[in-house]
Every structure is written in C-alpha cells, then in structure tokens.
Amino acid sequence: MLGLLCAGGKAQEQAEPKVLPEPALIDTLNQASLQSVFQMLRQHYLDKDTLTLDLLNRVALRGLLDHLGAGAELVPEEQARSEGSSGPQLRLISELLTDEVAYVRPASLSGEELKRFDSVLVGFQRSTAKALVLDLRCPGGADHFRNAADFASRFVATGISLFRLERPDDAEGVQEFKARKGQVWTRRTVILVDQDTSPAGEVLAACLRSQLGSVIVGNTTAGKTAEYEEVPVGNGGLLRYAVAEVMVSADPPEKTFGSGVRPDIECSLQREVKLSLFTAAQSLGVRPLVIEVERPRLNEAALVAGKNPELEQGLPGSEVSPEPEFEHDRVIQSALDVIAASLRLEQS
C-alpha cells in the first residue's frame, strides 16, 4: 500500500515500511532468540503464572504434530485397534454401467478381496466394456503396501517395478515392489479417489497413473503413503510416526507422502452423501445412483390409455417407479464423461 504526503503542493508517494508476517519472523529467529522469547514471556508476561513448562511443552508438541501433518499423530489405543473396522459394512460392488463402461469398488485391498476382484476383472475383460471405473473411495482400511502391489499387478505386466519403500539414510533397507502376476485387465482405467482412500489405495492409484496414464478423478488423498511405527506414551495413548515412505516408480520417482495423490480432474462429493450412496448401492446397484432416468411425462399415448404417469408415479400398484430420493454420484458421472470423451476421440 502507498501513503500520500503533500509537499510544495505536490502529492508524493511514500511506501509504507514492510513488516514481515509473524510466521516469517519466527523463521528468522535463531536458537538463542527463540529461547530469549520464551524467557521474557515467562518472566514478564501479564499472566506469567499460566506459562508453566508443562503448558509450553504441550503447546510445542501440538505445534510440532500440526507441522508434521500425516507424518505423526497421537491416537488412543482403542482407536488404533478398531481402525479398518469402523464405518459402514460394505462389500465389493461391480457392474456394467453401460455397454462400454464397467465399474468396480472393492471394499478394501485385502488378500481375500483380491480373489473376488480377480473374478470380476476376468468377467469384465470378456465383456463388451472398453473402460473400467476403479473406485478407491472406501473408508480407511489397514491394508499393506504388498496388497497395493498385488492389485496393481492385475493391470500391468509381470516384473514391472511399481514402487519402493525407502527408509532415510538406509540404502540397504529399500524394499522394491514389482508386479508379480500377468495382466487381467488390459483396457482403459479411470480411478476415483478422495480423503477416505486408504494408503494402499493411494499407492495403487499413483502406480496406475504412472504406468498406464490412467486418469484420476476426485479429491486429493490424505498422503499417508508411509510405513508407521507405534509406541505407547501413557494414559492409553500411542505415538504413531512415519519411518519409511513410498516412492512410486516414475521418472523422476513420485513422492506422495504428505502431499497425497492429486486428481487430474477435481470433483467433490460430501462424505455423508457418498457413504449413503455406497450403502444404497448394496441393494440398488450403482447404475440408478449415476445414470439419470427421464421422469415420466403426460403424452398422447398416456391420454389414449386414460393414464397420467405424472400423477401415478409412486402410487401403490403403479407400474411407474417413484423418483429416487437421493443425490447422484457426480464423481462417477465425471469419470463417465472422461471415458465418453476419450472413446469419441479414438473414433474420430
């Protein structure tokens, strides 16, 4: 901003002095200055008795954990034991949304789920489907990175390097994951992700984009693509902290820990709405939650038959089904739009 000063009848502009914002000022302080700030506050602050060492340590730890983000957290032991089992009880969902587009949403990336996933992919490969929507938006999960490699193996050739698990300053501790089974699905794949995508799902999505150029639709993931250790800290709490991170095979290698997997196409859906749609799909299937059906209208044929489908809709005994009372999954709709556009470009 500029201030105006009048001198000799002329307006002169004078720049206001620049003041560094608080975070930048903190970053410029050396260790001695930081300690001096703490001491002065503890000695001269208006309510200095509240600034106990206990409080300062708690505030410092809270700030450190906030700074580390996905790298470290304090969790109750009960929560740690129940992780992966919370949320709605879902099962693998798969179906053909159109003659050209297949859809599959695994409930997890576990070994047992992989068997069901294999069967579904084999069926889709034999169908008319030209593209697959792989939905990885299921809540959490305690799946291991080996599971991510096994699921990715269904899309890429045997022996392809998928990702590495690296420990800092430990070259001998690098663990490389390669595809260890031939492809089952060989056609186009579009992937859906969001904050609920499990760490193994994050790695799977990043691998398929790196190896196949798969388009990712949804929201940026949590970025917990790391191996964690847990140690008790008292009062039923655990300190969970990252000790090794995943590096997805690419040129250069792709790091997703902390930053998450960023979608190629952003598309949001409220978590509550998504979970309600997931639950509804268990009985209704996915297609009614994605493909909009035109509402019945009064027309000449209905007049001749002496019926009014607009009034009869939803009445007991009516052949006309009532309109669904739920939102449509616009993330899947966006994926269908991507696939439709890609198929048109191939045909042109």
Protein backbone atom coordinates (compact mmCIF):
# COMPACT_ATOMS: atom_id res chain seq x y z
CA MET A 1 0.00 0.00 0.00
CA LEU A 2 1.12 3.55 -0.63
CA GLY A 3 0.69 6.58 1.61
CA LEU A 4 0.23 10.10 0.17
CA LEU A 5 2.20 13.05 1.59
CA CYS A 6 1.73 16.65 0.39
CA ALA A 7 4.84 18.78 -0.06
CA GLY A 8 5.01 22.03 -2.01
CA GLY A 9 1.55 21.48 -3.41
CA LYS A 10 2.52 18.15 -4.95
CA ALA A 11 1.41 14.76 -3.81
CA GLN A 12 4.33 12.47 -3.16
CA GLU A 13 4.08 8.76 -2.72
CA GLN A 14 5.95 7.07 0.08
CA ALA A 15 5.97 3.33 0.55
CA GLU A 16 4.91 2.09 3.95
CA PRO A 17 7.65 0.14 5.75
CA LYS A 18 7.43 -3.57 5.09
CA VAL A 19 6.57 -5.70 8.10
CA LEU A 20 7.26 -9.41 7.93
CA PRO A 21 4.26 -11.58 8.78
CA GLU A 22 4.53 -13.50 12.05
CA PRO A 23 5.44 -16.91 10.54
CA ALA A 24 8.28 -15.31 8.57
CA LEU A 25 9.58 -13.56 11.68
CA ILE A 26 9.61 -16.81 13.61
CA ASP A 27 11.54 -18.46 10.81
CA THR A 28 14.25 -15.79 11.02
CA LEU A 29 14.94 -16.30 14.74
CA ASN A 30 17.95 -18.37 15.73
CA GLN A 31 18.01 -20.74 18.72
CA ALA A 32 19.25 -18.05 21.14
CA SER A 33 16.48 -15.66 20.09
CA LEU A 34 13.82 -18.34 20.46
CA GLN A 35 14.98 -19.14 23.98
CA SER A 36 15.05 -15.42 24.80
CA VAL A 37 11.42 -15.04 23.71
CA PHE A 38 10.35 -17.92 25.96
CA GLN A 39 12.27 -16.50 28.94
CA MET A 40 10.91 -12.97 28.55
CA LEU A 41 7.34 -14.21 28.29
CA ARG A 42 7.73 -16.43 31.35
CA GLN A 43 9.24 -13.57 33.39
CA HIS A 44 7.31 -10.52 32.24
CA TYR A 45 4.02 -11.62 30.63
CA LEU A 46 0.92 -10.16 32.31
CA ASP A 47 -0.31 -13.60 33.41
CA LYS A 48 3.08 -15.28 33.61
CA ASP A 49 1.95 -17.87 36.15
CA THR A 50 -0.02 -19.64 33.42
CA LEU A 51 3.10 -20.12 31.29
CA THR A 52 4.32 -23.26 33.01
CA LEU A 53 6.83 -25.62 31.46
CA ASP A 54 4.05 -28.19 31.21
CA LEU A 55 1.94 -25.81 29.13
CA LEU A 56 4.86 -24.80 26.92
CA ASN A 57 5.75 -28.43 26.26
CA ARG A 58 2.15 -29.30 25.37
CA VAL A 59 1.85 -26.30 23.05
CA ALA A 60 5.18 -27.15 21.44
CA LEU A 61 4.14 -30.79 20.89
CA ARG A 62 0.78 -29.74 19.45
CA GLY A 63 2.52 -27.35 17.08
CA LEU A 64 5.04 -30.00 16.07
CA LEU A 65 2.33 -32.55 15.28
CA ASP A 66 0.41 -29.95 13.28
CA HIS A 67 3.58 -29.20 11.35
CA LEU A 68 4.28 -32.88 10.61
CA GLY A 69 0.71 -33.50 9.40
CA ALA A 70 0.47 -37.06 8.06
CA GLY A 71 3.92 -37.81 9.47
CA ALA A 72 2.96 -38.24 13.11
CA GLU A 73 -0.06 -38.25 15.41
CA LEU A 74 -1.23 -39.23 18.87
CA VAL A 75 -4.01 -41.81 18.83
CA PRO A 76 -5.90 -43.64 21.59
CA GLU A 77 -5.08 -47.35 21.74
CA GLU A 78 -8.76 -48.24 21.32
CA GLN A 79 -8.93 -46.23 18.11
CA ALA A 80 -5.80 -47.91 16.77
CA ARG A 81 -7.31 -51.35 17.44
CA SER A 82 -10.60 -50.50 15.74
CA GLU A 83 -9.17 -48.83 12.63
CA GLY A 84 -10.25 -50.52 9.45
CA SER A 85 -13.43 -51.86 11.04
CA SER A 86 -15.24 -48.54 11.52
CA GLY A 87 -17.69 -47.06 9.06
CA PRO A 88 -20.41 -48.79 7.04
CA GLN A 89 -20.00 -52.50 6.39
CA LEU A 90 -19.53 -52.60 2.63
CA ARG A 91 -18.89 -55.37 0.14
CA LEU A 92 -17.31 -55.37 -3.30
CA ILE A 93 -19.65 -53.82 -5.87
CA SER A 94 -19.27 -54.40 -9.60
CA GLU A 95 -21.50 -53.96 -12.64
CA LEU A 96 -21.66 -52.69 -16.20
CA LEU A 97 -22.84 -49.09 -16.08
CA THR A 98 -23.14 -49.05 -19.89
CA ASP A 99 -22.23 -51.47 -22.66
CA GLU A 100 -18.82 -49.79 -22.80
CA VAL A 101 -18.07 -48.93 -19.16
CA ALA A 102 -17.56 -51.32 -16.25
CA TYR A 103 -17.43 -50.30 -12.60
CA VAL A 104 -15.85 -51.93 -9.56
CA ARG A 105 -15.50 -50.72 -5.98
CA PRO A 106 -13.54 -53.06 -3.69
CA ALA A 107 -14.48 -52.74 -0.03
CA SER A 108 -10.78 -52.98 0.85
CA LEU A 109 -7.46 -54.01 -0.68
CA SER A 110 -7.12 -57.15 1.43
CA GLY A 111 -5.96 -60.54 0.21
CA GLU A 112 -9.46 -62.02 0.42
CA GLU A 113 -10.89 -59.11 -1.56
CA LEU A 114 -8.25 -59.64 -4.24
CA LYS A 115 -9.75 -63.06 -5.07
CA ARG A 116 -13.16 -61.50 -5.66
CA PHE A 117 -11.54 -58.64 -7.58
CA ASP A 118 -9.78 -61.12 -9.90
CA SER A 119 -13.05 -62.84 -10.73
CA VAL A 120 -14.73 -59.53 -11.51
CA LEU A 121 -11.90 -58.33 -13.78
CA VAL A 122 -11.87 -61.60 -15.73
CA GLY A 123 -15.60 -61.20 -16.35
CA PHE A 124 -15.22 -57.59 -17.46
CA GLN A 125 -12.33 -58.50 -19.77
CA ARG A 126 -14.67 -60.93 -21.55
CA SER A 127 -17.46 -58.35 -21.80
CA THR A 128 -18.04 -55.51 -24.25
CA ALA A 129 -16.59 -53.00 -21.78
CA LYS A 130 -13.92 -50.73 -23.25
CA ALA A 131 -13.12 -48.95 -19.98
CA LEU A 132 -13.18 -49.55 -16.25
CA VAL A 133 -14.01 -47.16 -13.41
CA LEU A 134 -11.99 -48.28 -10.37
CA ASP A 135 -13.49 -46.68 -7.26
CA LEU A 136 -10.98 -46.41 -4.39
CA ARG A 137 -13.04 -44.07 -2.17
CA CYS A 138 -13.88 -46.66 0.50
CA PRO A 139 -13.25 -45.59 4.11
CA GLY A 140 -9.82 -46.31 5.57
CA GLY A 141 -8.54 -49.83 5.86
CA ALA A 142 -5.41 -51.37 7.35
CA ASP A 143 -4.21 -52.79 4.03
CA HIS A 144 -0.48 -53.30 3.48
CA PHE A 145 1.54 -51.95 0.58
CA ARG A 146 2.06 -55.51 -0.63
CA ASN A 147 -1.71 -55.51 -1.26
CA ALA A 148 -1.35 -52.39 -3.39
CA ALA A 149 1.31 -54.13 -5.48
CA ASP A 150 -0.87 -57.25 -5.88
CA PHE A 151 -3.88 -55.22 -7.05
CA ALA A 152 -1.67 -53.19 -9.42
CA SER A 153 -0.31 -56.45 -10.82
CA ARG A 154 -3.73 -57.11 -12.36
CA PHE A 155 -3.22 -54.08 -14.63
CA VAL A 156 0.48 -54.19 -15.60
CA ALA A 157 2.84 -56.84 -16.93
CA THR A 158 4.81 -59.17 -14.66
CA GLY A 159 8.15 -57.81 -13.47
CA ILE A 160 7.32 -54.10 -13.87
CA SER A 161 8.69 -52.01 -10.99
CA LEU A 162 5.75 -50.37 -9.20
CA PHE A 163 7.17 -48.56 -6.18
CA ARG A 164 9.80 -48.64 -3.43
CA LEU A 165 9.55 -48.31 0.33
CA GLU A 166 12.53 -46.27 1.48
CA ARG A 167 13.97 -45.53 4.90
CA PRO A 168 16.04 -42.35 5.20
CA ASP A 169 19.81 -42.88 5.23
CA ASP A 170 19.37 -46.65 4.81
CA ALA A 171 20.14 -47.72 1.25
CA GLU A 172 20.10 -51.38 2.26
CA GLY A 173 16.64 -51.00 3.76
CA VAL A 174 14.96 -50.15 0.44
CA GLN A 175 12.13 -52.57 -0.36
CA GLU A 176 11.11 -52.76 -4.01
CA PHE A 177 7.67 -53.92 -5.11
CA LYS A 178 7.15 -55.35 -8.59
CA ALA A 179 4.17 -56.75 -10.43
CA ARG A 180 4.21 -60.50 -9.86
CA LYS A 181 1.29 -61.66 -11.97
CA GLY A 182 0.32 -61.01 -15.59
CA GLN A 183 -2.37 -58.56 -16.57
CA VAL A 184 -6.03 -59.43 -16.17
CA TRP A 185 -7.46 -56.11 -17.36
CA THR A 186 -5.83 -54.59 -20.47
CA ARG A 187 -8.14 -51.70 -21.35
CA ARG A 188 -8.62 -48.11 -20.23
CA THR A 189 -8.93 -47.43 -16.48
CA VAL A 190 -10.21 -44.32 -14.70
CA ILE A 191 -9.64 -44.14 -10.93
CA LEU A 192 -11.69 -42.40 -8.22
CA VAL A 193 -10.01 -41.20 -5.01
CA ASP A 194 -10.67 -38.91 -2.05
CA GLN A 195 -9.65 -38.39 1.60
CA ASP A 196 -11.09 -41.80 2.55
CA THR A 197 -8.81 -43.66 0.15
CA SER A 198 -6.57 -45.98 2.16
CA PRO A 199 -2.76 -45.61 1.98
CA ALA A 200 -2.59 -48.76 -0.14
CA GLY A 201 -5.28 -47.28 -2.39
CA GLU A 202 -3.24 -44.09 -2.74
CA VAL A 203 -0.24 -46.12 -3.88
CA LEU A 204 -2.37 -48.17 -6.28
CA ALA A 205 -3.82 -45.03 -7.88
CA ALA A 206 -0.39 -43.41 -8.24
CA CYS A 207 1.07 -46.60 -9.76
CA LEU A 208 -1.67 -46.95 -12.37
CA ARG A 209 -1.35 -43.32 -13.39
CA SER A 210 2.43 -43.69 -13.64
CA GLN A 211 2.42 -46.99 -15.53
CA LEU A 212 -0.76 -46.70 -17.63
CA GLY A 213 -1.51 -42.99 -17.79
CA SER A 214 -4.82 -43.62 -16.01
CA VAL A 215 -6.89 -40.51 -15.31
CA ILE A 216 -7.67 -39.88 -11.62
CA VAL A 217 -10.94 -38.15 -10.65
CA GLY A 218 -11.99 -36.90 -7.19
CA ASN A 219 -10.17 -35.12 -4.36
CA THR A 220 -6.59 -35.12 -3.11
CA THR A 221 -5.91 -38.08 -0.84
CA ALA A 222 -4.62 -37.99 2.76
CA GLY A 223 -0.98 -38.60 1.83
CA LYS A 224 -0.32 -41.38 4.37
CA THR A 225 1.79 -43.44 1.98
CA ALA A 226 4.34 -44.36 4.62
CA GLU A 227 5.22 -47.17 6.97
CA TYR A 228 4.42 -46.21 10.57
CA GLU A 229 5.61 -47.36 13.94
CA GLU A 230 3.61 -47.03 17.15
CA VAL A 231 4.93 -46.62 20.70
CA PRO A 232 2.88 -46.19 23.90
CA VAL A 233 3.11 -42.77 25.53
CA GLY A 234 0.97 -43.39 28.62
CA ASN A 235 -2.69 -42.91 29.55
CA GLY A 236 -3.85 -45.26 26.81
CA GLY A 237 -2.23 -43.27 24.03
CA LEU A 238 0.10 -44.15 21.17
CA LEU A 239 2.56 -42.06 19.22
CA ARG A 240 2.31 -43.10 15.58
CA TYR A 241 5.09 -41.79 13.36
CA ALA A 242 6.38 -42.44 9.85
CA VAL A 243 9.67 -44.30 9.46
CA ALA A 244 9.68 -45.14 5.72
CA GLU A 245 7.93 -43.63 2.70
CA VAL A 246 6.69 -44.90 -0.64
CA MET A 247 8.34 -43.67 -3.84
CA VAL A 248 6.27 -44.56 -6.90
CA SER A 249 8.31 -45.74 -9.89
CA ALA A 250 8.41 -42.89 -12.39
CA ASP A 251 10.99 -40.57 -13.93
CA PRO A 252 11.69 -38.92 -11.56
CA PRO A 253 10.22 -41.12 -8.75
CA GLU A 254 6.92 -39.73 -7.45
CA LYS A 255 6.57 -38.89 -3.76
CA THR A 256 3.01 -38.87 -2.41
CA PHE A 257 3.68 -38.97 1.35
CA GLY A 258 2.44 -35.78 2.96
CA SER A 259 1.15 -34.26 -0.29
CA GLY A 260 -1.26 -37.05 -1.27
CA VAL A 261 -2.33 -38.16 -4.73
CA ARG A 262 -3.71 -35.18 -6.62
CA PRO A 263 -6.51 -35.91 -9.10
CA ASP A 264 -6.31 -34.92 -12.75
CA ILE A 265 -9.94 -33.80 -12.51
CA GLU A 266 -11.24 -32.29 -9.26
CA CYS A 267 -14.74 -33.37 -8.30
CA SER A 268 -16.21 -33.14 -4.80
CA LEU A 269 -18.95 -35.05 -3.03
CA GLN A 270 -19.85 -34.63 0.63
CA ARG A 271 -18.66 -37.59 2.66
CA GLU A 272 -22.10 -38.20 4.20
CA VAL A 273 -23.69 -38.21 0.75
CA LYS A 274 -21.04 -40.57 -0.61
CA LEU A 275 -21.47 -43.06 2.24
CA SER A 276 -25.25 -43.01 1.86
CA LEU A 277 -24.83 -43.74 -1.86
CA PHE A 278 -22.41 -46.57 -1.07
CA THR A 279 -24.95 -48.09 1.31
CA ALA A 280 -27.78 -47.70 -1.21
CA ALA A 281 -25.68 -49.39 -3.89
CA GLN A 282 -25.57 -52.57 -1.81
CA SER A 283 -29.22 -53.19 -2.70
CA LEU A 284 -29.95 -50.95 -5.69
CA GLY A 285 -26.70 -51.27 -7.60
CA VAL A 286 -24.66 -48.33 -8.86
CA ARG A 287 -26.39 -47.53 -12.14
CA PRO A 288 -29.55 -45.93 -10.60
CA LEU A 289 -27.26 -43.73 -8.49
CA VAL A 290 -25.38 -42.46 -11.52
CA ILE A 291 -27.48 -42.70 -14.69
CA GLU A 292 -30.37 -40.25 -14.55
CA VAL A 293 -33.65 -41.71 -15.85
CA GLU A 294 -36.02 -39.30 -17.58
CA ARG A 295 -39.10 -38.55 -15.49
CA PRO A 296 -42.39 -39.97 -16.87
CA ARG A 297 -44.39 -37.31 -18.73
CA LEU A 298 -48.01 -36.99 -19.82
CA ASN A 299 -48.14 -37.67 -23.56
CA GLU A 300 -50.59 -38.67 -26.29
CA ALA A 301 -50.17 -42.40 -25.67
CA ALA A 302 -50.96 -41.92 -21.97
CA LEU A 303 -54.07 -39.87 -22.81
CA VAL A 304 -55.33 -42.61 -25.14
CA ALA A 305 -54.76 -45.18 -22.39
CA GLY A 306 -56.53 -42.96 -19.89
CA LYS A 307 -53.48 -42.63 -17.65
CA ASN A 308 -51.39 -39.83 -16.26
CA PRO A 309 -47.87 -41.09 -15.40
CA GLU A 310 -47.04 -37.81 -13.70
CA LEU A 311 -49.80 -38.34 -11.13
CA GLU A 312 -49.46 -42.11 -10.90
CA GLN A 313 -45.75 -42.05 -10.22
CA GLY A 314 -45.08 -43.67 -6.86
CA LEU A 315 -48.68 -44.71 -6.15
CA PRO A 316 -49.22 -48.24 -4.75
CA GLY A 317 -49.62 -50.75 -7.57
CA SER A 318 -48.35 -48.30 -10.17
CA GLU A 319 -46.03 -49.60 -12.90
CA VAL A 320 -44.20 -46.29 -12.75
CA SER A 321 -41.36 -46.30 -10.22
CA PRO A 322 -41.10 -43.33 -7.87
CA GLU A 323 -38.25 -40.88 -8.33
CA PRO A 324 -35.22 -41.78 -6.21
CA GLU A 325 -34.82 -39.68 -3.07
CA PHE A 326 -31.04 -39.39 -3.22
CA GLU A 327 -28.37 -37.40 -4.97
CA HIS A 328 -26.49 -38.84 -7.89
CA ASP A 329 -22.80 -39.65 -7.60
CA ARG A 330 -21.29 -36.84 -9.65
CA VAL A 331 -17.76 -38.21 -9.20
CA ILE A 332 -18.70 -41.36 -11.12
CA GLN A 333 -20.59 -39.19 -13.59
CA SER A 334 -17.40 -37.18 -14.19
CA ALA A 335 -15.50 -40.41 -14.82
CA LEU A 336 -18.13 -41.46 -17.37
CA ASP A 337 -17.74 -38.09 -19.11
CA VAL A 338 -13.96 -38.59 -19.28
CA ILE A 339 -14.38 -42.05 -20.78
CA ALA A 340 -17.02 -40.91 -23.28
CA ALA A 341 -14.78 -38.09 -24.46
CA SER A 342 -11.78 -40.41 -24.79
CA LEU A 343 -13.72 -43.00 -26.78
CA ARG A 344 -15.03 -40.31 -29.13
CA LEU A 345 -11.51 -39.03 -29.74
CA GLU A 346 -10.36 -42.56 -30.56
CA GLN A 347 -13.19 -42.96 -33.09
CA SER A 348 -12.64 -39.58 -34.77
